[in-house]
């Protein structure tokens, strides 16, 4: 059953307060994304996985921080890190993805900032 916009608003406020001071990607990124999906009433495990292995454009192996096949690719960094660099890293994964798994959205974040790319617009 879908949750209401009021519930999403309340959950998002709680989420933003809980994560307001977090800095470390290594320590907390996975918990952060589980909480993010919960804001919308989605269990992250139902739709997305962490550390999806992929071959990058340069032939080297890499790991996508979070992949919801066909929908969303996330690259997460520690607070204050360069989100432009994170976006380049995210797009470097595209050659290693199957056509059906290519995301519509790419999201990069450092806990404090989100940059969303809608690849269909």
PDB file of N, CA and C in Angstrom:
ATOM      1  N   UNK A   1       0.835  -1.181   0.000  1.00  0.00           N
ATOM      2  CA  UNK A   1       0.000   0.000   0.000  1.00  0.00           C
ATOM      3  C   UNK A   1       0.889   1.257   0.000  1.00  0.00           C
ATOM      4  N   UNK A   2       0.676   2.149  -0.949  1.00  0.00           N
ATOM      5  CA  UNK A   2       1.485   3.366  -1.014  1.00  0.00           C
ATOM      6  C   UNK A   2       1.297   4.229   0.240  1.00  0.00           C
ATOM      7  N   UNK A   3       2.368   4.946   0.583  1.00  0.00           N
ATOM      8  CA  UNK A   3       2.251   5.846   1.728  1.00  0.00           C
ATOM      9  C   UNK A   3       1.862   7.238   1.237  1.00  0.00           C
ATOM     10  N   UNK A   4       1.310   8.031   2.120  1.00  0.00           N
ATOM     11  CA  UNK A   4       0.814   9.364   1.754  1.00  0.00           C
ATOM     12  C   UNK A   4       1.974  10.359   1.621  1.00  0.00           C
ATOM     13  N   UNK A   5       1.682  11.468   0.941  1.00  0.00           N
ATOM     14  CA  UNK A   5       2.674  12.543   0.828  1.00  0.00           C
ATOM     15  C   UNK A   5       3.017  13.097   2.201  1.00  0.00           C
ATOM     16  N   UNK A   6       2.046  13.156   3.107  1.00  0.00           N
ATOM     17  CA  UNK A   6       2.326  13.627   4.466  1.00  0.00           C
ATOM     18  C   UNK A   6       3.308  12.701   5.171  1.00  0.00           C
ATOM     19  N   UNK A   7       3.130  11.397   4.998  1.00  0.00           N
ATOM     20  CA  UNK A   7       4.049  10.429   5.597  1.00  0.00           C
ATOM     21  C   UNK A   7       5.441  10.568   4.983  1.00  0.00           C
ATOM     22  N   UNK A   8       5.517  10.752   3.675  1.00  0.00           N
ATOM     23  CA  UNK A   8       6.815  10.952   3.011  1.00  0.00           C
ATOM     24  C   UNK A   8       7.480  12.210   3.559  1.00  0.00           C
ATOM     25  N   UNK A   9       6.722  13.282   3.717  1.00  0.00           N
ATOM     26  CA  UNK A   9       7.267  14.521   4.264  1.00  0.00           C
ATOM     27  C   UNK A   9       7.811  14.298   5.672  1.00  0.00           C
ATOM     28  N   UNK A  10       7.028  13.641   6.524  1.00  0.00           N
ATOM     29  CA  UNK A  10       7.465  13.383   7.896  1.00  0.00           C
ATOM     30  C   UNK A  10       8.722  12.515   7.922  1.00  0.00           C
ATOM     31  N   UNK A  11       8.743  11.472   7.100  1.00  0.00           N
ATOM     32  CA  UNK A  11       9.907  10.596   7.044  1.00  0.00           C
ATOM     33  C   UNK A  11      11.139  11.334   6.510  1.00  0.00           C
ATOM     34  N   UNK A  12      10.926  12.209   5.528  1.00  0.00           N
ATOM     35  CA  UNK A  12      12.066  12.940   4.963  1.00  0.00           C
ATOM     36  C   UNK A  12      12.663  13.908   5.982  1.00  0.00           C
ATOM     37  N   UNK A  13      11.823  14.532   6.793  1.00  0.00           N
ATOM     38  CA  UNK A  13      12.334  15.411   7.845  1.00  0.00           C
ATOM     39  C   UNK A  13      13.137  14.630   8.880  1.00  0.00           C
ATOM     40  N   UNK A  14      12.618  13.478   9.269  1.00  0.00           N
ATOM     41  CA  UNK A  14      13.338  12.618  10.206  1.00  0.00           C
ATOM     42  C   UNK A  14      14.665  12.172   9.609  1.00  0.00           C
ATOM     43  N   UNK A  15      14.628  11.750   8.352  1.00  0.00           N
ATOM     44  CA  UNK A  15      15.836  11.313   7.649  1.00  0.00           C
ATOM     45  C   UNK A  15      16.870  12.440   7.597  1.00  0.00           C
ATOM     46  N   UNK A  16      16.448  13.633   7.224  1.00  0.00           N
ATOM     47  CA  UNK A  16      17.400  14.745   7.090  1.00  0.00           C
ATOM     48  C   UNK A  16      18.024  15.115   8.437  1.00  0.00           C
ATOM     49  N   UNK A  17      17.258  15.041   9.493  1.00  0.00           N
ATOM     50  CA  UNK A  17      17.810  15.314  10.830  1.00  0.00           C
ATOM     51  C   UNK A  17      18.817  14.241  11.234  1.00  0.00           C
ATOM     52  N   UNK A  18      18.462  12.984  10.964  1.00  0.00           N
ATOM     53  CA  UNK A  18      19.336  11.879  11.352  1.00  0.00           C
ATOM     54  C   UNK A  18      20.689  11.940  10.644  1.00  0.00           C
ATOM     55  N   UNK A  19      20.703  12.380   9.395  1.00  0.00           N
ATOM     56  CA  UNK A  19      21.917  12.354   8.593  1.00  0.00           C
ATOM     57  C   UNK A  19      22.577  13.721   8.432  1.00  0.00           C
ATOM     58  N   UNK A  20      22.133  14.714   9.156  1.00  0.00           N
ATOM     59  CA  UNK A  20      22.601  16.095   8.982  1.00  0.00           C
ATOM     60  C   UNK A  20      24.105  16.271   9.153  1.00  0.00           C
ATOM     61  N   UNK A  21      24.743  15.468   9.971  1.00  0.00           N
ATOM     62  CA  UNK A  21      26.169  15.676  10.245  1.00  0.00           C
ATOM     63  C   UNK A  21      27.060  14.533   9.764  1.00  0.00           C
ATOM     64  N   UNK A  22      26.488  13.552   9.094  1.00  0.00           N
ATOM     65  CA  UNK A  22      27.299  12.407   8.667  1.00  0.00           C
ATOM     66  C   UNK A  22      28.306  12.822   7.608  1.00  0.00           C
ATOM     67  N   UNK A  23      29.484  12.200   7.649  1.00  0.00           N
ATOM     68  CA  UNK A  23      30.565  12.563   6.733  1.00  0.00           C
ATOM     69  C   UNK A  23      31.201  11.399   6.008  1.00  0.00           C
ATOM     70  N   UNK A  24      31.217  10.217   6.601  1.00  0.00           N
ATOM     71  CA  UNK A  24      32.035   9.122   6.106  1.00  0.00           C
ATOM     72  C   UNK A  24      31.281   8.156   5.196  1.00  0.00           C
ATOM     73  N   UNK A  25      31.677   8.143   3.935  1.00  0.00           N
ATOM     74  CA  UNK A  25      31.089   7.200   2.981  1.00  0.00           C
ATOM     75  C   UNK A  25      31.328   5.766   3.428  1.00  0.00           C
ATOM     76  N   UNK A  26      32.562   5.445   3.784  1.00  0.00           N
ATOM     77  CA  UNK A  26      32.893   4.063   4.140  1.00  0.00           C
ATOM     78  C   UNK A  26      32.076   3.556   5.319  1.00  0.00           C
ATOM     79  N   UNK A  27      31.848   4.412   6.298  1.00  0.00           N
ATOM     80  CA  UNK A  27      31.161   3.975   7.510  1.00  0.00           C
ATOM     81  C   UNK A  27      29.649   3.923   7.357  1.00  0.00           C
ATOM     82  N   UNK A  28      29.049   4.834   6.580  1.00  0.00           N
ATOM     83  CA  UNK A  28      27.602   4.990   6.668  1.00  0.00           C
ATOM     84  C   UNK A  28      26.806   5.057   5.377  1.00  0.00           C
ATOM     85  N   UNK A  29      27.438   4.980   4.224  1.00  0.00           N
ATOM     86  CA  UNK A  29      26.688   5.158   2.973  1.00  0.00           C
ATOM     87  C   UNK A  29      25.575   4.124   2.799  1.00  0.00           C
ATOM     88  N   UNK A  30      25.833   2.888   3.129  1.00  0.00           N
ATOM     89  CA  UNK A  30      24.810   1.855   2.929  1.00  0.00           C
ATOM     90  C   UNK A  30      23.595   2.092   3.824  1.00  0.00           C
ATOM     91  N   UNK A  31      23.843   2.429   5.073  1.00  0.00           N
ATOM     92  CA  UNK A  31      22.733   2.732   5.985  1.00  0.00           C
ATOM     93  C   UNK A  31      21.965   3.966   5.513  1.00  0.00           C
ATOM     94  N   UNK A  32      22.694   4.956   5.009  1.00  0.00           N
ATOM     95  CA  UNK A  32      22.090   6.171   4.480  1.00  0.00           C
ATOM     96  C   UNK A  32      21.087   5.832   3.368  1.00  0.00           C
ATOM     97  N   UNK A  33      21.501   4.988   2.416  1.00  0.00           N
ATOM     98  CA  UNK A  33      20.623   4.665   1.285  1.00  0.00           C
ATOM     99  C   UNK A  33      19.459   3.786   1.695  1.00  0.00           C
ATOM    100  N   UNK A  34      19.673   2.886   2.662  1.00  0.00           N
ATOM    101  CA  UNK A  34      18.539   2.119   3.194  1.00  0.00           C
ATOM    102  C   UNK A  34      17.513   3.076   3.786  1.00  0.00           C
ATOM    103  N   UNK A  35      17.983   4.063   4.556  1.00  0.00           N
ATOM    104  CA  UNK A  35      17.086   5.063   5.146  1.00  0.00           C
ATOM    105  C   UNK A  35      16.414   5.930   4.092  1.00  0.00           C
ATOM    106  N   UNK A  36      17.152   6.283   3.052  1.00  0.00           N
ATOM    107  CA  UNK A  36      16.603   7.095   1.968  1.00  0.00           C
ATOM    108  C   UNK A  36      15.423   6.385   1.307  1.00  0.00           C
ATOM    109  N   UNK A  37      15.585   5.130   0.962  1.00  0.00           N
ATOM    110  CA  UNK A  37      14.492   4.376   0.349  1.00  0.00           C
ATOM    111  C   UNK A  37      13.303   4.257   1.301  1.00  0.00           C
ATOM    112  N   UNK A  38      13.589   4.112   2.584  1.00  0.00           N
ATOM    113  CA  UNK A  38      12.523   4.010   3.581  1.00  0.00           C
ATOM    114  C   UNK A  38      11.645   5.268   3.613  1.00  0.00           C
ATOM    115  N   UNK A  39      12.213   6.422   3.305  1.00  0.00           N
ATOM    116  CA  UNK A  39      11.430   7.660   3.249  1.00  0.00           C
ATOM    117  C   UNK A  39      10.213   7.474   2.341  1.00  0.00           C
ATOM    118  N   UNK A  40      10.395   6.710   1.268  1.00  0.00           N
ATOM    119  CA  UNK A  40       9.336   6.508   0.276  1.00  0.00           C
ATOM    120  C   UNK A  40       8.572   5.198   0.476  1.00  0.00           C
ATOM    121  N   UNK A  41       8.851   4.524   1.597  1.00  0.00           N
ATOM    122  CA  UNK A  41       8.155   3.285   1.895  1.00  0.00           C
ATOM    123  C   UNK A  41       8.648   2.095   1.089  1.00  0.00           C
ATOM    124  N   UNK A  42       9.889   2.179   0.617  1.00  0.00           N
ATOM    125  CA  UNK A  42      10.474   1.120  -0.201  1.00  0.00           C
ATOM    126  C   UNK A  42      11.591   0.440   0.587  1.00  0.00           C
ATOM    127  N   UNK A  43      11.572  -0.874   0.600  1.00  0.00           N
ATOM    128  CA  UNK A  43      12.680  -1.616   1.166  1.00  0.00           C
ATOM    129  C   UNK A  43      13.752  -1.714   0.088  1.00  0.00           C
ATOM    130  N   UNK A  44      14.908  -1.128   0.324  1.00  0.00           N
ATOM    131  CA  UNK A  44      15.966  -1.066  -0.681  1.00  0.00           C
ATOM    132  C   UNK A  44      16.300  -2.445  -1.252  1.00  0.00           C
ATOM    133  N   UNK A  45      16.312  -3.468  -0.437  1.00  0.00           N
ATOM    134  CA  UNK A  45      16.661  -4.815  -0.911  1.00  0.00           C
ATOM    135  C   UNK A  45      15.715  -5.332  -1.980  1.00  0.00           C
ATOM    136  N   UNK A  46      14.491  -4.841  -1.999  1.00  0.00           N
ATOM    137  CA  UNK A  46      13.520  -5.293  -3.009  1.00  0.00           C
ATOM    138  C   UNK A  46      13.864  -4.777  -4.401  1.00  0.00           C
ATOM    139  N   UNK A  47      14.561  -3.629  -4.478  1.00  0.00           N
ATOM    140  CA  UNK A  47      14.759  -2.997  -5.781  1.00  0.00           C
ATOM    141  C   UNK A  47      16.211  -2.760  -6.176  1.00  0.00           C
ATOM    142  N   UNK A  48      17.109  -2.624  -5.215  1.00  0.00           N
ATOM    143  CA  UNK A  48      18.471  -2.210  -5.547  1.00  0.00           C
ATOM    144  C   UNK A  48      19.499  -2.989  -4.743  1.00  0.00           C
ATOM    145  N   UNK A  49      20.705  -3.038  -5.288  1.00  0.00           N
ATOM    146  CA  UNK A  49      21.789  -3.724  -4.590  1.00  0.00           C
ATOM    147  C   UNK A  49      23.003  -2.806  -4.475  1.00  0.00           C
ATOM    148  N   UNK A  50      23.804  -3.085  -3.459  1.00  0.00           N
ATOM    149  CA  UNK A  50      25.042  -2.336  -3.229  1.00  0.00           C
ATOM    150  C   UNK A  50      26.215  -3.039  -3.904  1.00  0.00           C
ATOM    151  N   UNK A  51      27.206  -2.229  -4.281  1.00  0.00           N
ATOM    152  CA  UNK A  51      28.490  -2.723  -4.770  1.00  0.00           C
ATOM    153  C   UNK A  51      28.348  -3.700  -5.935  1.00  0.00           C
ATOM    154  N   UNK A  52      27.542  -3.315  -6.908  1.00  0.00           N
ATOM    155  CA  UNK A  52      27.351  -4.146  -8.107  1.00  0.00           C
ATOM    156  C   UNK A  52      28.647  -4.128  -8.931  1.00  0.00           C
ATOM    157  N   UNK A  53      29.235  -5.296  -9.184  1.00  0.00           N
ATOM    158  CA  UNK A  53      30.478  -5.329  -9.961  1.00  0.00           C
ATOM    159  C   UNK A  53      30.218  -4.974 -11.427  1.00  0.00           C
ATOM    160  N   UNK A  54      31.153  -4.229 -12.002  1.00  0.00           N
ATOM    161  CA  UNK A  54      31.009  -3.792 -13.389  1.00  0.00           C
ATOM    162  C   UNK A  54      32.388  -3.510 -13.976  1.00  0.00           C
ATOM    163  N   UNK A  55      32.510  -3.695 -15.278  1.00  0.00           N
ATOM    164  CA  UNK A  55      33.737  -3.328 -15.972  1.00  0.00           C
ATOM    165  C   UNK A  55      33.558  -1.905 -16.495  1.00  0.00           C
ATOM    166  N   UNK A  56      34.476  -1.027 -16.142  1.00  0.00           N
ATOM    167  CA  UNK A  56      34.397   0.376 -16.548  1.00  0.00           C
ATOM    168  C   UNK A  56      34.837   0.545 -18.005  1.00  0.00           C
ATOM    169  N   UNK A  57      34.654   1.753 -18.515  1.00  0.00           N
ATOM    170  CA  UNK A  57      35.005   2.066 -19.896  1.00  0.00           C
ATOM    171  C   UNK A  57      36.461   1.810 -20.220  1.00  0.00           C
ATOM    172  N   UNK A  58      37.350   1.948 -19.222  1.00  0.00           N
ATOM    173  CA  UNK A  58      38.777   1.731 -19.452  1.00  0.00           C
ATOM    174  C   UNK A  58      39.176   0.263 -19.321  1.00  0.00           C
ATOM    175  N   UNK A  59      38.191  -0.623 -19.116  1.00  0.00           N
ATOM    176  CA  UNK A  59      38.466  -2.046 -18.998  1.00  0.00           C
ATOM    177  C   UNK A  59      38.744  -2.517 -17.585  1.00  0.00           C
ATOM    178  N   UNK A  60      38.945  -1.587 -16.686  1.00  0.00           N
ATOM    179  CA  UNK A  60      39.197  -1.935 -15.282  1.00  0.00           C
ATOM    180  C   UNK A  60      37.885  -2.293 -14.595  1.00  0.00           C
ATOM    181  N   UNK A  61      37.978  -3.136 -13.583  1.00  0.00           N
ATOM    182  CA  UNK A  61      36.793  -3.483 -12.811  1.00  0.00           C
ATOM    183  C   UNK A  61      36.464  -2.395 -11.804  1.00  0.00           C
ATOM    184  N   UNK A  62      35.199  -2.301 -11.461  1.00  0.00           N
ATOM    185  CA  UNK A  62      34.754  -1.341 -10.467  1.00  0.00           C
ATOM    186  C   UNK A  62      33.505  -1.848  -9.790  1.00  0.00           C
ATOM    187  N   UNK A  63      33.015  -1.063  -8.859  1.00  0.00           N
ATOM    188  CA  UNK A  63      31.809  -1.422  -8.130  1.00  0.00           C
ATOM    189  C   UNK A  63      30.887  -0.219  -8.055  1.00  0.00           C
ATOM    190  N   UNK A  64      29.667  -0.383  -8.525  1.00  0.00           N
ATOM    191  CA  UNK A  64      28.655   0.663  -8.457  1.00  0.00           C
ATOM    192  C   UNK A  64      28.135   0.699  -7.024  1.00  0.00           C
ATOM    193  N   UNK A  65      28.140   1.874  -6.417  1.00  0.00           N
ATOM    194  CA  UNK A  65      27.721   1.976  -5.021  1.00  0.00           C
ATOM    195  C   UNK A  65      26.315   1.435  -4.810  1.00  0.00           C
ATOM    196  N   UNK A  66      25.378   1.819  -5.670  1.00  0.00           N
ATOM    197  CA  UNK A  66      24.008   1.314  -5.584  1.00  0.00           C
ATOM    198  C   UNK A  66      23.433   1.258  -6.993  1.00  0.00           C
ATOM    199  N   UNK A  67      22.820   0.131  -7.331  1.00  0.00           N
ATOM    200  CA  UNK A  67      22.221  -0.018  -8.656  1.00  0.00           C
ATOM    201  C   UNK A  67      20.821  -0.586  -8.535  1.00  0.00           C
ATOM    202  N   UNK A  68      19.875   0.153  -9.079  1.00  0.00           N
ATOM    203  CA  UNK A  68      18.494  -0.305  -9.271  1.00  0.00           C
ATOM    204  C   UNK A  68      18.400  -0.472 -10.781  1.00  0.00           C
ATOM    205  N   UNK A  69      18.556  -1.679 -11.251  1.00  0.00           N
ATOM    206  CA  UNK A  69      18.677  -1.944 -12.683  1.00  0.00           C
ATOM    207  C   UNK A  69      17.543  -1.296 -13.473  1.00  0.00           C
ATOM    208  N   UNK A  70      17.952  -0.558 -14.506  1.00  0.00           N
ATOM    209  CA  UNK A  70      16.993   0.090 -15.385  1.00  0.00           C
ATOM    210  C   UNK A  70      16.399   1.373 -14.844  1.00  0.00           C
ATOM    211  N   UNK A  71      16.718   1.705 -13.591  1.00  0.00           N
ATOM    212  CA  UNK A  71      16.105   2.883 -12.969  1.00  0.00           C
ATOM    213  C   UNK A  71      17.144   3.868 -12.439  1.00  0.00           C
ATOM    214  N   UNK A  72      18.033   3.418 -11.560  1.00  0.00           N
ATOM    215  CA  UNK A  72      18.884   4.351 -10.819  1.00  0.00           C
ATOM    216  C   UNK A  72      20.275   3.777 -10.586  1.00  0.00           C
ATOM    217  N   UNK A  73      21.288   4.612 -10.820  1.00  0.00           N
ATOM    218  CA  UNK A  73      22.661   4.306 -10.460  1.00  0.00           C
ATOM    219  C   UNK A  73      23.120   5.404  -9.517  1.00  0.00           C
ATOM    220  N   UNK A  74      23.675   5.011  -8.360  1.00  0.00           N
ATOM    221  CA  UNK A  74      24.120   5.978  -7.355  1.00  0.00           C
ATOM    222  C   UNK A  74      25.620   5.851  -7.149  1.00  0.00           C
ATOM    223  N   UNK A  75      26.294   6.975  -7.129  1.00  0.00           N
ATOM    224  CA  UNK A  75      27.693   7.045  -6.707  1.00  0.00           C
ATOM    225  C   UNK A  75      27.737   7.957  -5.491  1.00  0.00           C
ATOM    226  N   UNK A  76      28.227   7.429  -4.386  1.00  0.00           N
ATOM    227  CA  UNK A  76      28.217   8.156  -3.117  1.00  0.00           C
ATOM    228  C   UNK A  76      29.645   8.475  -2.691  1.00  0.00           C
ATOM    229  N   UNK A  77      29.836   9.665  -2.156  1.00  0.00           N
ATOM    230  CA  UNK A  77      31.142  10.109  -1.677  1.00  0.00           C
ATOM    231  C   UNK A  77      31.016  10.640  -0.255  1.00  0.00           C
ATOM    232  N   UNK A  78      32.155  10.777   0.403  1.00  0.00           N
ATOM    233  CA  UNK A  78      32.169  11.401   1.725  1.00  0.00           C
ATOM    234  C   UNK A  78      31.843  12.882   1.588  1.00  0.00           C
ATOM    235  N   UNK A  79      31.330  13.463   2.662  1.00  0.00           N
ATOM    236  CA  UNK A  79      30.916  14.867   2.661  1.00  0.00           C
ATOM    237  C   UNK A  79      32.052  15.771   2.169  1.00  0.00           C
ATOM    238  N   UNK A  80      31.672  16.669   1.267  1.00  0.00           N
ATOM    239  CA  UNK A  80      32.615  17.653   0.754  1.00  0.00           C
ATOM    240  C   UNK A  80      33.417  17.205  -0.456  1.00  0.00           C
ATOM    241  N   UNK A  81      33.314  15.945  -0.836  1.00  0.00           N
ATOM    242  CA  UNK A  81      34.058  15.464  -2.003  1.00  0.00           C
ATOM    243  C   UNK A  81      33.436  16.008  -3.288  1.00  0.00           C
ATOM    244  N   UNK A  82      34.198  15.975  -4.354  1.00  0.00           N
ATOM    245  CA  UNK A  82      33.828  16.540  -5.651  1.00  0.00           C
ATOM    246  C   UNK A  82      32.717  15.712  -6.321  1.00  0.00           C
ATOM    247  N   UNK A  83      31.530  16.296  -6.439  1.00  0.00           N
ATOM    248  CA  UNK A  83      30.422  15.576  -7.064  1.00  0.00           C
ATOM    249  C   UNK A  83      30.559  15.493  -8.579  1.00  0.00           C
ATOM    250  N   UNK A  84      31.296  16.402  -9.198  1.00  0.00           N
ATOM    251  CA  UNK A  84      31.559  16.292 -10.640  1.00  0.00           C
ATOM    252  C   UNK A  84      32.392  15.046 -10.904  1.00  0.00           C
ATOM    253  N   UNK A  85      33.370  14.818 -10.076  1.00  0.00           N
ATOM    254  CA  UNK A  85      34.203  13.616 -10.202  1.00  0.00           C
ATOM    255  C   UNK A  85      33.361  12.359  -9.963  1.00  0.00           C
ATOM    256  N   UNK A  86      32.482  12.417  -8.992  1.00  0.00           N
ATOM    257  CA  UNK A  86      31.587  11.291  -8.715  1.00  0.00           C
ATOM    258  C   UNK A  86      30.705  11.004  -9.923  1.00  0.00           C
ATOM    259  N   UNK A  87      30.214  12.054 -10.578  1.00  0.00           N
ATOM    260  CA  UNK A  87      29.368  11.868 -11.766  1.00  0.00           C
ATOM    261  C   UNK A  87      30.163  11.228 -12.899  1.00  0.00           C
ATOM    262  N   UNK A  88      31.387  11.683 -13.113  1.00  0.00           N
ATOM    263  CA  UNK A  88      32.228  11.064 -14.157  1.00  0.00           C
ATOM    264  C   UNK A  88      32.444   9.587 -13.851  1.00  0.00           C
ATOM    265  N   UNK A  89      32.693   9.271 -12.585  1.00  0.00           N
ATOM    266  CA  UNK A  89      32.874   7.880 -12.188  1.00  0.00           C
ATOM    267  C   UNK A  89      31.615   7.066 -12.477  1.00  0.00           C
ATOM    268  N   UNK A  90      30.463   7.621 -12.145  1.00  0.00           N
ATOM    269  CA  UNK A  90      29.193   6.920 -12.385  1.00  0.00           C
ATOM    270  C   UNK A  90      28.999   6.638 -13.874  1.00  0.00           C
ATOM    271  N   UNK A  91      29.242   7.623 -14.701  1.00  0.00           N
ATOM    272  CA  UNK A  91      29.049   7.439 -16.141  1.00  0.00           C
ATOM    273  C   UNK A  91      30.098   6.503 -16.749  1.00  0.00           C
ATOM    274  N   UNK A  92      31.255   6.376 -16.116  1.00  0.00           N
ATOM    275  CA  UNK A  92      32.273   5.435 -16.580  1.00  0.00           C
ATOM    276  C   UNK A  92      31.812   3.986 -16.462  1.00  0.00           C
ATOM    277  N   UNK A  93      30.799   3.732 -15.651  1.00  0.00           N
ATOM    278  CA  UNK A  93      30.289   2.371 -15.484  1.00  0.00           C
ATOM    279  C   UNK A  93      29.363   1.938 -16.632  1.00  0.00           C
ATOM    280  N   UNK A  94      28.846   2.884 -17.389  1.00  0.00           N
ATOM    281  CA  UNK A  94      27.843   2.567 -18.408  1.00  0.00           C
ATOM    282  C   UNK A  94      28.291   1.523 -19.427  1.00  0.00           C
ATOM    283  N   UNK A  95      29.529   1.557 -19.939  1.00  0.00           N
ATOM    284  CA  UNK A  95      29.916   0.549 -20.936  1.00  0.00           C
ATOM    285  C   UNK A  95      29.825  -0.886 -20.410  1.00  0.00           C
ATOM    286  N   UNK A  96      29.928  -1.072 -19.104  1.00  0.00           N
ATOM    287  CA  UNK A  96      29.884  -2.401 -18.525  1.00  0.00           C
ATOM    288  C   UNK A  96      28.495  -2.895 -18.171  1.00  0.00           C
ATOM    289  N   UNK A  97      27.484  -2.069 -18.377  1.00  0.00           N
ATOM    290  CA  UNK A  97      26.103  -2.462 -18.062  1.00  0.00           C
ATOM    291  C   UNK A  97      25.401  -2.993 -19.296  1.00  0.00           C
ATOM    292  N   UNK A  98      24.561  -3.978 -19.090  1.00  0.00           N
ATOM    293  CA  UNK A  98      23.728  -4.467 -20.184  1.00  0.00           C
ATOM    294  C   UNK A  98      22.721  -3.383 -20.552  1.00  0.00           C
ATOM    295  N   UNK A  99      22.322  -3.376 -21.795  1.00  0.00           N
ATOM    296  CA  UNK A  99      21.380  -2.363 -22.285  1.00  0.00           C
ATOM    297  C   UNK A  99      20.142  -2.271 -21.397  1.00  0.00           C
ATOM    298  N   UNK A 100      19.574  -3.405 -21.019  1.00  0.00           N
ATOM    299  CA  UNK A 100      18.349  -3.408 -20.214  1.00  0.00           C
ATOM    300  C   UNK A 100      18.573  -2.890 -18.795  1.00  0.00           C
ATOM    301  N   UNK A 101      19.834  -2.865 -18.348  1.00  0.00           N
ATOM    302  CA  UNK A 101      20.152  -2.418 -16.996  1.00  0.00           C
ATOM    303  C   UNK A 101      20.550  -0.946 -16.916  1.00  0.00           C
ATOM    304  N   UNK A 102      20.716  -0.304 -18.078  1.00  0.00           N
ATOM    305  CA  UNK A 102      21.093   1.113 -18.066  1.00  0.00           C
ATOM    306  C   UNK A 102      20.035   1.920 -17.318  1.00  0.00           C
ATOM    307  N   UNK A 103      20.457   2.790 -16.410  1.00  0.00           N
ATOM    308  CA  UNK A 103      19.493   3.532 -15.591  1.00  0.00           C
ATOM    309  C   UNK A 103      18.921   4.746 -16.314  1.00  0.00           C
ATOM    310  N   UNK A 104      17.754   5.137 -15.886  1.00  0.00           N
ATOM    311  CA  UNK A 104      17.191   6.407 -16.354  1.00  0.00           C
ATOM    312  C   UNK A 104      17.820   7.562 -15.573  1.00  0.00           C
ATOM    313  N   UNK A 105      18.118   7.309 -14.308  1.00  0.00           N
ATOM    314  CA  UNK A 105      18.643   8.353 -13.428  1.00  0.00           C
ATOM    315  C   UNK A 105      20.029   7.982 -12.916  1.00  0.00           C
ATOM    316  N   UNK A 106      20.878   8.993 -12.793  1.00  0.00           N
ATOM    317  CA  UNK A 106      22.152   8.865 -12.094  1.00  0.00           C
ATOM    318  C   UNK A 106      22.108   9.883 -10.966  1.00  0.00           C
ATOM    319  N   UNK A 107      22.400   9.415  -9.763  1.00  0.00           N
ATOM    320  CA  UNK A 107      22.361  10.262  -8.572  1.00  0.00           C
ATOM    321  C   UNK A 107      23.711  10.198  -7.893  1.00  0.00           C
ATOM    322  N   UNK A 108      24.306  11.350  -7.653  1.00  0.00           N
ATOM    323  CA  UNK A 108      25.549  11.411  -6.889  1.00  0.00           C
ATOM    324  C   UNK A 108      25.272  12.221  -5.630  1.00  0.00           C
ATOM    325  N   UNK A 109      25.922  11.818  -4.547  1.00  0.00           N
ATOM    326  CA  UNK A 109      25.661  12.475  -3.266  1.00  0.00           C
ATOM    327  C   UNK A 109      26.885  12.401  -2.370  1.00  0.00           C
ATOM    328  N   UNK A 110      26.956  13.359  -1.440  1.00  0.00           N
ATOM    329  CA  UNK A 110      27.984  13.356  -0.399  1.00  0.00           C
ATOM    330  C   UNK A 110      27.339  13.526   0.982  1.00  0.00           C
ATOM    331  N   UNK A 111      26.161  12.997   1.174  1.00  0.00           N
ATOM    332  CA  UNK A 111      25.324  13.146   2.357  1.00  0.00           C
ATOM    333  C   UNK A 111      24.622  14.507   2.382  1.00  0.00           C
ATOM    334  N   UNK A 112      25.344  15.583   2.150  1.00  0.00           N
ATOM    335  CA  UNK A 112      24.772  16.925   2.257  1.00  0.00           C
ATOM    336  C   UNK A 112      24.161  17.412   0.950  1.00  0.00           C
ATOM    337  N   UNK A 113      24.679  16.931  -0.168  1.00  0.00           N
ATOM    338  CA  UNK A 113      24.230  17.396  -1.477  1.00  0.00           C
ATOM    339  C   UNK A 113      23.829  16.207  -2.344  1.00  0.00           C
ATOM    340  N   UNK A 114      22.832  16.438  -3.180  1.00  0.00           N
ATOM    341  CA  UNK A 114      22.394  15.451  -4.162  1.00  0.00           C
ATOM    342  C   UNK A 114      22.433  16.111  -5.527  1.00  0.00           C
ATOM    343  N   UNK A 115      22.953  15.407  -6.503  1.00  0.00           N
ATOM    344  CA  UNK A 115      22.873  15.874  -7.889  1.00  0.00           C
ATOM    345  C   UNK A 115      22.253  14.751  -8.701  1.00  0.00           C
ATOM    346  N   UNK A 116      21.098  15.035  -9.300  1.00  0.00           N
ATOM    347  CA  UNK A 116      20.333  14.028 -10.044  1.00  0.00           C
ATOM    348  C   UNK A 116      20.389  14.348 -11.536  1.00  0.00           C
ATOM    349  N   UNK A 117      20.728  13.335 -12.320  1.00  0.00           N
ATOM    350  CA  UNK A 117      20.736  13.434 -13.777  1.00  0.00           C
ATOM    351  C   UNK A 117      19.585  12.570 -14.289  1.00  0.00           C
ATOM    352  N   UNK A 118      18.652  13.183 -15.011  1.00  0.00           N
ATOM    353  CA  UNK A 118      17.565  12.455 -15.668  1.00  0.00           C
ATOM    354  C   UNK A 118      17.994  12.259 -17.113  1.00  0.00           C
ATOM    355  N   UNK A 119      18.306  11.037 -17.469  1.00  0.00           N
ATOM    356  CA  UNK A 119      18.882  10.772 -18.784  1.00  0.00           C
ATOM    357  C   UNK A 119      17.845  10.717 -19.893  1.00  0.00           C
ATOM    358  N   UNK A 120      16.574  10.814 -19.534  1.00  0.00           N
ATOM    359  CA  UNK A 120      15.516  10.837 -20.540  1.00  0.00           C
ATOM    360  C   UNK A 120      15.066  12.260 -20.884  1.00  0.00           C
ATOM    361  N   UNK A 121      15.615  13.238 -20.189  1.00  0.00           N
ATOM    362  CA  UNK A 121      15.184  14.617 -20.500  1.00  0.00           C
ATOM    363  C   UNK A 121      16.366  15.468 -20.928  1.00  0.00           C
TER     364      UNK A 121
END
